[in-house]
């Protein structure tokens, strides 16, 4: 038996929008994670200097 597949044009457009939204969310998550790692590394590098300034105050 042969099955007929009915494709709704609106359904394809909605799937494309959902995939695009997930891709944007993924990219923003990666950018945010990289930014936080950079700030963490700069904080670790300046920790000794900040501690010395705190003791002087």
N, C-alpha and C. Protein backbone atom coordinates (compact mmCIF):
# COMPACT_ATOMS: atom_id res chain seq x y z
N UNK A 1 0.83 -1.18 0.00
CA UNK A 1 0.00 0.00 0.00
C UNK A 1 0.88 1.25 0.00
N UNK A 2 0.40 2.21 -0.69
CA UNK A 2 1.13 3.47 -0.78
C UNK A 2 0.47 4.49 0.15
N UNK A 3 1.27 5.14 0.97
CA UNK A 3 0.75 6.14 1.89
C UNK A 3 0.97 7.52 1.31
N UNK A 4 -0.06 8.34 1.41
CA UNK A 4 0.05 9.72 0.95
C UNK A 4 0.51 10.58 2.13
N UNK A 5 1.53 11.36 1.88
CA UNK A 5 2.04 12.26 2.91
C UNK A 5 1.55 13.66 2.60
N UNK A 6 0.87 14.24 3.55
CA UNK A 6 0.35 15.60 3.38
C UNK A 6 1.24 16.53 4.18
N UNK A 7 1.80 17.52 3.49
CA UNK A 7 2.69 18.49 4.14
C UNK A 7 1.97 19.83 4.21
N UNK A 8 1.90 20.35 5.39
CA UNK A 8 1.29 21.66 5.61
C UNK A 8 2.38 22.70 5.49
N UNK A 9 2.19 23.70 4.63
CA UNK A 9 3.23 24.72 4.41
C UNK A 9 3.48 25.54 5.68
N UNK A 10 2.45 25.81 6.45
CA UNK A 10 2.61 26.60 7.68
C UNK A 10 3.45 25.85 8.71
N UNK A 11 3.34 24.55 8.72
CA UNK A 11 4.10 23.75 9.67
C UNK A 11 5.60 23.87 9.43
N UNK A 12 6.02 23.88 8.17
CA UNK A 12 7.44 24.02 7.85
C UNK A 12 7.98 25.37 8.28
N UNK A 13 7.19 26.41 8.11
CA UNK A 13 7.65 27.74 8.51
C UNK A 13 7.82 27.82 10.03
N UNK A 14 6.91 27.22 10.78
CA UNK A 14 7.03 27.25 12.23
C UNK A 14 8.25 26.49 12.71
N UNK A 15 8.56 25.36 12.08
CA UNK A 15 9.75 24.61 12.46
C UNK A 15 11.00 25.42 12.18
N UNK A 16 11.04 26.13 11.09
CA UNK A 16 12.19 26.97 10.77
C UNK A 16 12.39 28.07 11.79
N UNK A 17 11.30 28.67 12.25
CA UNK A 17 11.40 29.72 13.25
C UNK A 17 11.89 29.16 14.58
N UNK A 18 11.42 27.99 14.96
CA UNK A 18 11.85 27.39 16.21
C UNK A 18 13.33 27.05 16.16
N UNK A 19 13.78 26.49 15.05
CA UNK A 19 15.20 26.15 14.92
C UNK A 19 16.06 27.40 14.95
N UNK A 20 15.61 28.47 14.33
CA UNK A 20 16.37 29.71 14.33
C UNK A 20 16.46 30.28 15.75
N UNK A 21 15.37 30.20 16.48
CA UNK A 21 15.36 30.69 17.86
C UNK A 21 16.31 29.90 18.75
N UNK A 22 16.33 28.58 18.56
CA UNK A 22 17.24 27.74 19.34
C UNK A 22 18.68 28.05 18.98
N UNK A 23 18.96 28.27 17.71
CA UNK A 23 20.33 28.60 17.29
C UNK A 23 20.78 29.92 17.90
N UNK A 24 19.91 30.92 17.90
CA UNK A 24 20.26 32.22 18.49
C UNK A 24 20.49 32.08 19.99
N UNK A 25 19.63 31.32 20.66
CA UNK A 25 19.78 31.11 22.09
C UNK A 25 21.09 30.40 22.41
N UNK A 26 21.45 29.42 21.59
CA UNK A 26 22.71 28.70 21.79
C UNK A 26 23.90 29.62 21.61
N UNK A 27 23.88 30.44 20.58
CA UNK A 27 24.99 31.37 20.33
C UNK A 27 25.12 32.37 21.48
N UNK A 28 24.00 32.91 21.96
CA UNK A 28 24.06 33.86 23.07
C UNK A 28 24.56 33.20 24.35
N UNK A 29 24.19 31.95 24.57
CA UNK A 29 24.67 31.23 25.74
C UNK A 29 26.18 31.02 25.67
N UNK A 30 26.69 30.68 24.50
CA UNK A 30 28.13 30.49 24.33
C UNK A 30 28.87 31.80 24.54
N UNK A 31 28.35 32.89 23.99
CA UNK A 31 28.99 34.20 24.16
C UNK A 31 28.99 34.60 25.64
N UNK A 32 27.88 34.38 26.33
CA UNK A 32 27.82 34.71 27.75
C UNK A 32 28.78 33.88 28.57
N UNK A 33 28.90 32.60 28.24
CA UNK A 33 29.83 31.73 28.98
C UNK A 33 31.27 32.15 28.78
N UNK A 34 31.63 32.48 27.55
CA UNK A 34 33.00 32.92 27.26
C UNK A 34 33.29 34.22 28.00
N UNK A 35 32.32 35.14 28.03
CA UNK A 35 32.50 36.41 28.73
C UNK A 35 32.73 36.18 30.22
N UNK A 36 31.96 35.29 30.82
CA UNK A 36 32.13 35.01 32.25
C UNK A 36 33.48 34.36 32.54
N UNK A 37 33.96 33.50 31.65
CA UNK A 37 35.28 32.88 31.86
C UNK A 37 36.37 33.93 31.78
N UNK A 38 36.25 34.88 30.85
CA UNK A 38 37.25 35.96 30.74
C UNK A 38 37.26 36.79 32.01
N UNK A 39 36.07 37.18 32.51
CA UNK A 39 36.02 37.97 33.75
C UNK A 39 36.57 37.18 34.93
N UNK A 40 36.31 35.89 34.97
CA UNK A 40 36.84 35.05 36.04
C UNK A 40 38.37 35.02 36.00
N UNK A 41 38.95 34.90 34.83
CA UNK A 41 40.40 34.86 34.71
C UNK A 41 41.02 36.20 35.10
N UNK A 42 40.41 37.32 34.66
CA UNK A 42 40.93 38.63 35.04
C UNK A 42 40.81 38.84 36.55
N UNK A 43 39.74 38.36 37.16
CA UNK A 43 39.58 38.48 38.60
C UNK A 43 40.64 37.69 39.34
N UNK A 44 40.95 36.49 38.86
CA UNK A 44 41.99 35.67 39.49
C UNK A 44 43.36 36.34 39.37
N UNK A 45 43.63 36.96 38.22
CA UNK A 45 44.93 37.60 38.03
C UNK A 45 45.09 38.83 38.91
N UNK A 46 44.01 39.54 39.19
CA UNK A 46 44.08 40.77 39.99
C UNK A 46 43.74 40.55 41.46
N UNK A 47 43.56 39.31 41.87
CA UNK A 47 43.14 39.04 43.24
C UNK A 47 44.20 39.47 44.25
N UNK A 48 45.47 39.21 43.98
CA UNK A 48 46.52 39.59 44.92
C UNK A 48 46.59 41.10 45.09
N UNK A 49 46.48 41.82 44.01
CA UNK A 49 46.55 43.28 44.07
C UNK A 49 45.35 43.83 44.85
N UNK A 50 44.18 43.25 44.63
CA UNK A 50 42.99 43.71 45.35
C UNK A 50 43.10 43.41 46.84
N UNK A 51 43.67 42.28 47.18
CA UNK A 51 43.82 41.91 48.60
C UNK A 51 44.80 42.88 49.28
N UNK A 52 45.89 43.24 48.62
CA UNK A 52 46.87 44.16 49.18
C UNK A 52 46.24 45.54 49.38
N UNK A 53 45.41 45.98 48.43
CA UNK A 53 44.75 47.27 48.58
C UNK A 53 43.75 47.23 49.73
N UNK A 54 43.07 46.12 49.91
CA UNK A 54 42.12 45.97 51.01
C UNK A 54 42.83 46.05 52.36
N UNK A 55 43.99 45.40 52.46
CA UNK A 55 44.76 45.43 53.71
C UNK A 55 45.26 46.84 54.00
N UNK A 56 45.67 47.59 52.97
CA UNK A 56 46.17 48.94 53.16
C UNK A 56 45.07 49.87 53.67
N UNK A 57 43.85 49.63 53.23
CA UNK A 57 42.73 50.49 53.67
C UNK A 57 42.43 50.19 55.12
